[in-house]
Amino acid sequence: MNWIIELLTKQSFAQTIIVFGLVIAFGIWFGKIKIFGVSLGVTWVLFVGLFFSFMGIVVHPELQDFLKEFGLVLFVYTLGLQV
């Protein structure tokens, strides 16, 4: 049981992947909720990420930088495909 607690509390690559996965999963899940016929969609991923940051959850800095750059590359690539 200690390995689960260490996995969620110590900064590591696995902890970073779990945190990013939870943020994305909760964001998509909340994005499906409609209030008065309006839903915010994937914008909830941003809000959940801000909430996790507010709670003080920190991730491994090297992997965070890689995921930022990789996300930017995917964004530019898909934008180029649409144009």
PDB file of N, CA and C in Angstrom:
ATOM      1  N   MET A   1       0.814  -1.194   0.000  1.00  0.00           N
ATOM      2  CA  MET A   1       0.000   0.000   0.000  1.00  0.00           C
ATOM      3  C   MET A   1       0.860   1.261   0.000  1.00  0.00           C
ATOM      4  N   ASN A   2       2.057   1.163   0.556  1.00  0.00           N
ATOM      5  CA  ASN A   2       2.936   2.332   0.592  1.00  0.00           C
ATOM      6  C   ASN A   2       3.357   2.772  -0.804  1.00  0.00           C
ATOM      7  N   TRP A   3       3.487   1.827  -1.722  1.00  0.00           N
ATOM      8  CA  TRP A   3       3.936   2.193  -3.061  1.00  0.00           C
ATOM      9  C   TRP A   3       2.897   3.044  -3.775  1.00  0.00           C
ATOM     10  N   ILE A   4       1.614   2.850  -3.464  1.00  0.00           N
ATOM     11  CA  ILE A   4       0.575   3.678  -4.070  1.00  0.00           C
ATOM     12  C   ILE A   4       0.672   5.105  -3.540  1.00  0.00           C
ATOM     13  N   ILE A   5       0.874   5.243  -2.242  1.00  0.00           N
ATOM     14  CA  ILE A   5       0.998   6.576  -1.645  1.00  0.00           C
ATOM     15  C   ILE A   5       2.243   7.278  -2.173  1.00  0.00           C
ATOM     16  N   GLU A   6       3.356   6.557  -2.271  1.00  0.00           N
ATOM     17  CA  GLU A   6       4.582   7.147  -2.823  1.00  0.00           C
ATOM     18  C   GLU A   6       4.403   7.515  -4.292  1.00  0.00           C
ATOM     19  N   LEU A   7       3.670   6.696  -5.036  1.00  0.00           N
ATOM     20  CA  LEU A   7       3.445   6.965  -6.453  1.00  0.00           C
ATOM     21  C   LEU A   7       2.677   8.260  -6.655  1.00  0.00           C
ATOM     22  N   LEU A   8       1.744   8.548  -5.762  1.00  0.00           N
ATOM     23  CA  LEU A   8       0.917   9.740  -5.906  1.00  0.00           C
ATOM     24  C   LEU A   8       1.521  10.981  -5.265  1.00  0.00           C
ATOM     25  N   THR A   9       2.495  10.829  -4.365  1.00  0.00           N
ATOM     26  CA  THR A   9       3.025  11.988  -3.652  1.00  0.00           C
ATOM     27  C   THR A   9       4.426  12.390  -4.092  1.00  0.00           C
ATOM     28  N   LYS A  10       5.287  11.435  -4.455  1.00  0.00           N
ATOM     29  CA  LYS A  10       6.646  11.773  -4.866  1.00  0.00           C
ATOM     30  C   LYS A  10       6.674  12.153  -6.345  1.00  0.00           C
ATOM     31  N   GLN A  11       7.506  13.147  -6.680  1.00  0.00           N
ATOM     32  CA  GLN A  11       7.637  13.537  -8.079  1.00  0.00           C
ATOM     33  C   GLN A  11       8.380  12.459  -8.847  1.00  0.00           C
ATOM     34  N   SER A  12       7.731  11.947  -9.881  1.00  0.00           N
ATOM     35  CA  SER A  12       8.339  10.948 -10.748  1.00  0.00           C
ATOM     36  C   SER A  12       7.629  10.998 -12.094  1.00  0.00           C
ATOM     37  N   PHE A  13       8.186  10.261 -13.056  1.00  0.00           N
ATOM     38  CA  PHE A  13       7.542  10.204 -14.367  1.00  0.00           C
ATOM     39  C   PHE A  13       6.161   9.568 -14.267  1.00  0.00           C
ATOM     40  N   ALA A  14       6.047   8.503 -13.488  1.00  0.00           N
ATOM     41  CA  ALA A  14       4.757   7.815 -13.355  1.00  0.00           C
ATOM     42  C   ALA A  14       3.720   8.727 -12.705  1.00  0.00           C
ATOM     43  N   GLN A  15       4.115   9.469 -11.697  1.00  0.00           N
ATOM     44  CA  GLN A  15       3.196  10.384 -11.025  1.00  0.00           C
ATOM     45  C   GLN A  15       2.730  11.470 -11.986  1.00  0.00           C
ATOM     46  N   THR A  16       3.635  11.962 -12.829  1.00  0.00           N
ATOM     47  CA  THR A  16       3.278  12.993 -13.800  1.00  0.00           C
ATOM     48  C   THR A  16       2.264  12.466 -14.800  1.00  0.00           C
ATOM     49  N   ILE A  17       2.474  11.254 -15.290  1.00  0.00           N
ATOM     50  CA  ILE A  17       1.540  10.653 -16.246  1.00  0.00           C
ATOM     51  C   ILE A  17       0.173  10.451 -15.595  1.00  0.00           C
ATOM     52  N   ILE A  18       0.152  10.010 -14.343  1.00  0.00           N
ATOM     53  CA  ILE A  18      -1.117   9.810 -13.636  1.00  0.00           C
ATOM     54  C   ILE A  18      -1.846  11.136 -13.454  1.00  0.00           C
ATOM     55  N   VAL A  19      -1.119  12.178 -13.064  1.00  0.00           N
ATOM     56  CA  VAL A  19      -1.746  13.490 -12.855  1.00  0.00           C
ATOM     57  C   VAL A  19      -2.310  14.028 -14.164  1.00  0.00           C
ATOM     58  N   PHE A  20      -1.532  13.979 -15.242  1.00  0.00           N
ATOM     59  CA  PHE A  20      -2.023  14.456 -16.532  1.00  0.00           C
ATOM     60  C   PHE A  20      -3.208  13.627 -16.998  1.00  0.00           C
ATOM     61  N   GLY A  21      -3.172  12.322 -16.783  1.00  0.00           N
ATOM     62  CA  GLY A  21      -4.296  11.466 -17.157  1.00  0.00           C
ATOM     63  C   GLY A  21      -5.559  11.795 -16.379  1.00  0.00           C
ATOM     64  N   LEU A  22      -5.419  12.042 -15.074  1.00  0.00           N
ATOM     65  CA  LEU A  22      -6.577  12.405 -14.261  1.00  0.00           C
ATOM     66  C   LEU A  22      -7.150  13.757 -14.669  1.00  0.00           C
ATOM     67  N   VAL A  23      -6.277  14.711 -14.933  1.00  0.00           N
ATOM     68  CA  VAL A  23      -6.743  16.038 -15.353  1.00  0.00           C
ATOM     69  C   VAL A  23      -7.531  15.930 -16.658  1.00  0.00           C
ATOM     70  N   ILE A  24      -6.989  15.199 -17.615  1.00  0.00           N
ATOM     71  CA  ILE A  24      -7.672  15.053 -18.902  1.00  0.00           C
ATOM     72  C   ILE A  24      -8.979  14.278 -18.742  1.00  0.00           C
ATOM     73  N   ALA A  25      -8.958  13.195 -17.967  1.00  0.00           N
ATOM     74  CA  ALA A  25     -10.164  12.384 -17.792  1.00  0.00           C
ATOM     75  C   ALA A  25     -11.272  13.162 -17.088  1.00  0.00           C
ATOM     76  N   PHE A  26     -10.926  13.846 -15.994  1.00  0.00           N
ATOM     77  CA  PHE A  26     -11.934  14.639 -15.287  1.00  0.00           C
ATOM     78  C   PHE A  26     -12.432  15.795 -16.147  1.00  0.00           C
ATOM     79  N   GLY A  27     -11.541  16.419 -16.897  1.00  0.00           N
ATOM     80  CA  GLY A  27     -11.939  17.527 -17.759  1.00  0.00           C
ATOM     81  C   GLY A  27     -12.909  17.098 -18.835  1.00  0.00           C
ATOM     82  N   ILE A  28     -12.649  15.955 -19.459  1.00  0.00           N
ATOM     83  CA  ILE A  28     -13.562  15.461 -20.494  1.00  0.00           C
ATOM     84  C   ILE A  28     -14.889  15.041 -19.877  1.00  0.00           C
ATOM     85  N   TRP A  29     -14.812  14.438 -18.694  1.00  0.00           N
ATOM     86  CA  TRP A  29     -16.028  14.003 -18.007  1.00  0.00           C
ATOM     87  C   TRP A  29     -16.897  15.206 -17.625  1.00  0.00           C
ATOM     88  N   PHE A  30     -16.289  16.247 -17.045  1.00  0.00           N
ATOM     89  CA  PHE A  30     -17.045  17.454 -16.698  1.00  0.00           C
ATOM     90  C   PHE A  30     -17.532  18.179 -17.943  1.00  0.00           C
ATOM     91  N   GLY A  31     -16.805  18.051 -19.033  1.00  0.00           N
ATOM     92  CA  GLY A  31     -17.197  18.712 -20.268  1.00  0.00           C
ATOM     93  C   GLY A  31     -18.475  18.164 -20.873  1.00  0.00           C
ATOM     94  N   LYS A  32     -18.879  16.982 -20.463  1.00  0.00           N
ATOM     95  CA  LYS A  32     -20.110  16.388 -20.986  1.00  0.00           C
ATOM     96  C   LYS A  32     -21.348  16.870 -20.233  1.00  0.00           C
ATOM     97  N   ILE A  33     -21.147  17.576 -19.126  1.00  0.00           N
ATOM     98  CA  ILE A  33     -22.273  18.077 -18.333  1.00  0.00           C
ATOM     99  C   ILE A  33     -22.837  19.324 -19.007  1.00  0.00           C
ATOM    100  N   LYS A  34     -24.158  19.328 -19.195  1.00  0.00           N
ATOM    101  CA  LYS A  34     -24.825  20.474 -19.811  1.00  0.00           C
ATOM    102  C   LYS A  34     -25.654  21.201 -18.760  1.00  0.00           C
ATOM    103  N   ILE A  35     -25.513  22.524 -18.740  1.00  0.00           N
ATOM    104  CA  ILE A  35     -26.310  23.355 -17.850  1.00  0.00           C
ATOM    105  C   ILE A  35     -27.102  24.313 -18.736  1.00  0.00           C
ATOM    106  N   PHE A  36     -28.411  24.215 -18.676  1.00  0.00           N
ATOM    107  CA  PHE A  36     -29.311  24.991 -19.532  1.00  0.00           C
ATOM    108  C   PHE A  36     -28.987  24.793 -21.011  1.00  0.00           C
ATOM    109  N   GLY A  37     -28.587  23.575 -21.371  1.00  0.00           N
ATOM    110  CA  GLY A  37     -28.307  23.243 -22.758  1.00  0.00           C
ATOM    111  C   GLY A  37     -26.940  23.676 -23.248  1.00  0.00           C
ATOM    112  N   VAL A  38     -26.101  24.190 -22.351  1.00  0.00           N
ATOM    113  CA  VAL A  38     -24.773  24.670 -22.742  1.00  0.00           C
ATOM    114  C   VAL A  38     -23.722  23.862 -21.986  1.00  0.00           C
ATOM    115  N   SER A  39     -22.717  23.394 -22.722  1.00  0.00           N
ATOM    116  CA  SER A  39     -21.597  22.721 -22.071  1.00  0.00           C
ATOM    117  C   SER A  39     -20.300  23.384 -22.521  1.00  0.00           C
ATOM    118  N   LEU A  40     -19.295  23.356 -21.664  1.00  0.00           N
ATOM    119  CA  LEU A  40     -18.024  23.992 -21.982  1.00  0.00           C
ATOM    120  C   LEU A  40     -17.071  23.061 -22.714  1.00  0.00           C
ATOM    121  N   GLY A  41     -17.405  21.789 -22.839  1.00  0.00           N
ATOM    122  CA  GLY A  41     -16.581  20.845 -23.596  1.00  0.00           C
ATOM    123  C   GLY A  41     -15.198  20.667 -23.001  1.00  0.00           C
ATOM    124  N   VAL A  42     -14.195  20.655 -23.874  1.00  0.00           N
ATOM    125  CA  VAL A  42     -12.833  20.388 -23.425  1.00  0.00           C
ATOM    126  C   VAL A  42     -12.212  21.557 -22.671  1.00  0.00           C
ATOM    127  N   THR A  43     -12.916  22.676 -22.573  1.00  0.00           N
ATOM    128  CA  THR A  43     -12.430  23.791 -21.767  1.00  0.00           C
ATOM    129  C   THR A  43     -12.315  23.380 -20.304  1.00  0.00           C
ATOM    130  N   TRP A  44     -13.078  22.388 -19.919  1.00  0.00           N
ATOM    131  CA  TRP A  44     -13.014  21.901 -18.544  1.00  0.00           C
ATOM    132  C   TRP A  44     -11.648  21.308 -18.216  1.00  0.00           C
ATOM    133  N   VAL A  45     -10.929  20.825 -19.210  1.00  0.00           N
ATOM    134  CA  VAL A  45      -9.582  20.298 -18.955  1.00  0.00           C
ATOM    135  C   VAL A  45      -8.705  21.414 -18.382  1.00  0.00           C
ATOM    136  N   LEU A  46      -8.833  22.610 -18.927  1.00  0.00           N
ATOM    137  CA  LEU A  46      -8.093  23.757 -18.408  1.00  0.00           C
ATOM    138  C   LEU A  46      -8.498  24.053 -16.970  1.00  0.00           C
ATOM    139  N   PHE A  47      -9.802  24.058 -16.698  1.00  0.00           N
ATOM    140  CA  PHE A  47     -10.276  24.369 -15.359  1.00  0.00           C
ATOM    141  C   PHE A  47      -9.832  23.312 -14.340  1.00  0.00           C
ATOM    142  N   VAL A  48      -9.878  22.048 -14.725  1.00  0.00           N
ATOM    143  CA  VAL A  48      -9.434  20.984 -13.815  1.00  0.00           C
ATOM    144  C   VAL A  48      -7.925  21.090 -13.580  1.00  0.00           C
ATOM    145  N   GLY A  49      -7.163  21.417 -14.626  1.00  0.00           N
ATOM    146  CA  GLY A  49      -5.731  21.620 -14.460  1.00  0.00           C
ATOM    147  C   GLY A  49      -5.424  22.771 -13.520  1.00  0.00           C
ATOM    148  N   LEU A  50      -6.176  23.849 -13.641  1.00  0.00           N
ATOM    149  CA  LEU A  50      -6.007  24.973 -12.717  1.00  0.00           C
ATOM    150  C   LEU A  50      -6.349  24.575 -11.293  1.00  0.00           C
ATOM    151  N   PHE A  51      -7.391  23.754 -11.134  1.00  0.00           N
ATOM    152  CA  PHE A  51      -7.762  23.291  -9.791  1.00  0.00           C
ATOM    153  C   PHE A  51      -6.677  22.407  -9.188  1.00  0.00           C
ATOM    154  N   PHE A  52      -6.121  21.495  -9.984  1.00  0.00           N
ATOM    155  CA  PHE A  52      -5.046  20.634  -9.483  1.00  0.00           C
ATOM    156  C   PHE A  52      -3.836  21.482  -9.077  1.00  0.00           C
ATOM    157  N   SER A  53      -3.539  22.501  -9.868  1.00  0.00           N
ATOM    158  CA  SER A  53      -2.433  23.392  -9.538  1.00  0.00           C
ATOM    159  C   SER A  53      -2.726  24.165  -8.263  1.00  0.00           C
ATOM    160  N   PHE A  54      -3.959  24.606  -8.099  1.00  0.00           N
ATOM    161  CA  PHE A  54      -4.359  25.313  -6.886  1.00  0.00           C
ATOM    162  C   PHE A  54      -4.208  24.428  -5.659  1.00  0.00           C
ATOM    163  N   MET A  55      -4.476  23.125  -5.828  1.00  0.00           N
ATOM    164  CA  MET A  55      -4.359  22.185  -4.711  1.00  0.00           C
ATOM    165  C   MET A  55      -2.901  21.883  -4.364  1.00  0.00           C
ATOM    166  N   GLY A  56      -1.961  22.349  -5.172  1.00  0.00           N
ATOM    167  CA  GLY A  56      -0.553  22.184  -4.859  1.00  0.00           C
ATOM    168  C   GLY A  56       0.094  20.944  -5.441  1.00  0.00           C
ATOM    169  N   ILE A  57      -0.539  20.330  -6.418  1.00  0.00           N
ATOM    170  CA  ILE A  57       0.028  19.130  -7.044  1.00  0.00           C
ATOM    171  C   ILE A  57       1.092  19.566  -8.045  1.00  0.00           C
ATOM    172  N   VAL A  58       2.303  19.072  -7.850  1.00  0.00           N
ATOM    173  CA  VAL A  58       3.419  19.430  -8.726  1.00  0.00           C
ATOM    174  C   VAL A  58       3.854  18.186  -9.485  1.00  0.00           C
ATOM    175  N   VAL A  59       4.308  18.389 -10.724  1.00  0.00           N
ATOM    176  CA  VAL A  59       4.738  17.267 -11.550  1.00  0.00           C
ATOM    177  C   VAL A  59       6.221  17.415 -11.878  1.00  0.00           C
ATOM    178  N   HIS A  60       6.783  16.363 -12.435  1.00  0.00           N
ATOM    179  CA  HIS A  60       8.204  16.344 -12.794  1.00  0.00           C
ATOM    180  C   HIS A  60       8.465  17.402 -13.861  1.00  0.00           C
ATOM    181  N   PRO A  61       9.408  18.337 -13.629  1.00  0.00           N
ATOM    182  CA  PRO A  61       9.584  19.461 -14.568  1.00  0.00           C
ATOM    183  C   PRO A  61      10.063  19.054 -15.964  1.00  0.00           C
ATOM    184  N   GLU A  62      10.930  18.050 -16.072  1.00  0.00           N
ATOM    185  CA  GLU A  62      11.426  17.646 -17.393  1.00  0.00           C
ATOM    186  C   GLU A  62      10.308  17.070 -18.257  1.00  0.00           C
ATOM    187  N   LEU A  63       9.488  16.231 -17.665  1.00  0.00           N
ATOM    188  CA  LEU A  63       8.388  15.630 -18.425  1.00  0.00           C
ATOM    189  C   LEU A  63       7.318  16.673 -18.736  1.00  0.00           C
ATOM    190  N   GLN A  64       7.129  17.624 -17.844  1.00  0.00           N
ATOM    191  CA  GLN A  64       6.169  18.691 -18.094  1.00  0.00           C
ATOM    192  C   GLN A  64       6.601  19.527 -19.303  1.00  0.00           C
ATOM    193  N   ASP A  65       7.889  19.858 -19.389  1.00  0.00           N
ATOM    194  CA  ASP A  65       8.393  20.604 -20.538  1.00  0.00           C
ATOM    195  C   ASP A  65       8.226  19.812 -21.832  1.00  0.00           C
ATOM    196  N   PHE A  66       8.520  18.515 -21.775  1.00  0.00           N
ATOM    197  CA  PHE A  66       8.361  17.678 -22.967  1.00  0.00           C
ATOM    198  C   PHE A  66       6.907  17.649 -23.419  1.00  0.00           C
ATOM    199  N   LEU A  67       5.977  17.473 -22.480  1.00  0.00           N
ATOM    200  CA  LEU A  67       4.566  17.393 -22.845  1.00  0.00           C
ATOM    201  C   LEU A  67       4.051  18.721 -23.390  1.00  0.00           C
ATOM    202  N   LYS A  68       4.566  19.839 -22.877  1.00  0.00           N
ATOM    203  CA  LYS A  68       4.182  21.150 -23.421  1.00  0.00           C
ATOM    204  C   LYS A  68       4.614  21.273 -24.875  1.00  0.00           C
ATOM    205  N   GLU A  69       5.870  20.930 -25.145  1.00  0.00           N
ATOM    206  CA  GLU A  69       6.381  21.043 -26.509  1.00  0.00           C
ATOM    207  C   GLU A  69       5.687  20.060 -27.446  1.00  0.00           C
ATOM    208  N   PHE A  70       5.448  18.845 -26.974  1.00  0.00           N
ATOM    209  CA  PHE A  70       4.774  17.846 -27.790  1.00  0.00           C
ATOM    210  C   PHE A  70       3.342  18.272 -28.103  1.00  0.00           C
ATOM    211  N   GLY A  71       2.651  18.851 -27.125  1.00  0.00           N
ATOM    212  CA  GLY A  71       1.306  19.354 -27.360  1.00  0.00           C
ATOM    213  C   GLY A  71       1.289  20.478 -28.375  1.00  0.00           C
ATOM    214  N   LEU A  72       2.294  21.356 -28.314  1.00  0.00           N
ATOM    215  CA  LEU A  72       2.382  22.438 -29.291  1.00  0.00           C
ATOM    216  C   LEU A  72       2.631  21.884 -30.688  1.00  0.00           C
ATOM    217  N   VAL A  73       3.500  20.879 -30.802  1.00  0.00           N
ATOM    218  CA  VAL A  73       3.770  20.262 -32.101  1.00  0.00           C
ATOM    219  C   VAL A  73       2.501  19.628 -32.661  1.00  0.00           C
ATOM    220  N   LEU A  74       1.753  18.916 -31.833  1.00  0.00           N
ATOM    221  CA  LEU A  74       0.499  18.311 -32.301  1.00  0.00           C
ATOM    222  C   LEU A  74      -0.512  19.372 -32.715  1.00  0.00           C
ATOM    223  N   PHE A  75      -0.580  20.464 -31.962  1.00  0.00           N
ATOM    224  CA  PHE A  75      -1.508  21.543 -32.301  1.00  0.00           C
ATOM    225  C   PHE A  75      -1.167  22.153 -33.651  1.00  0.00           C
ATOM    226  N   VAL A  76       0.105  22.466 -33.873  1.00  0.00           N
ATOM    227  CA  VAL A  76       0.512  23.073 -35.134  1.00  0.00           C
ATOM    228  C   VAL A  76       0.295  22.101 -36.287  1.00  0.00           C
ATOM    229  N   TYR A  77       0.580  20.820 -36.061  1.00  0.00           N
ATOM    230  CA  TYR A  77       0.392  19.812 -37.102  1.00  0.00           C
ATOM    231  C   TYR A  77      -1.080  19.703 -37.503  1.00  0.00           C
ATOM    232  N   THR A  78      -1.986  19.615 -36.510  1.00  0.00           N
ATOM    233  CA  THR A  78      -3.402  19.496 -36.846  1.00  0.00           C
ATOM    234  C   THR A  78      -3.950  20.776 -37.463  1.00  0.00           C
ATOM    235  N   LEU A  79      -3.425  21.912 -37.039  1.00  0.00           N
ATOM    236  CA  LEU A  79      -3.827  23.171 -37.657  1.00  0.00           C
ATOM    237  C   LEU A  79      -3.403  23.209 -39.126  1.00  0.00           C
ATOM    238  N   GLY A  80      -2.188  22.730 -39.412  1.00  0.00           N
ATOM    239  CA  GLY A  80      -1.715  22.656 -40.781  1.00  0.00           C
ATOM    240  C   GLY A  80      -2.536  21.698 -41.627  1.00  0.00           C
ATOM    241  N   LEU A  81      -2.993  20.600 -41.040  1.00  0.00           N
ATOM    242  CA  LEU A  81      -3.844  19.667 -41.778  1.00  0.00           C
ATOM    243  C   LEU A  81      -5.174  20.286 -42.145  1.00  0.00           C
ATOM    244  N   GLN A  82      -5.716  21.100 -41.248  1.00  0.00           N
ATOM    245  CA  GLN A  82      -7.011  21.720 -41.515  1.00  0.00           C
ATOM    246  C   GLN A  82      -6.913  22.810 -42.557  1.00  0.00           C
ATOM    247  N   VAL A  83      -5.780  23.476 -42.602  1.00  0.00           N
ATOM    248  CA  VAL A  83      -5.618  24.569 -43.588  1.00  0.00           C
ATOM    249  C   VAL A  83      -5.394  23.950 -44.933  1.00  0.00           C
TER     250      VAL A  83
END
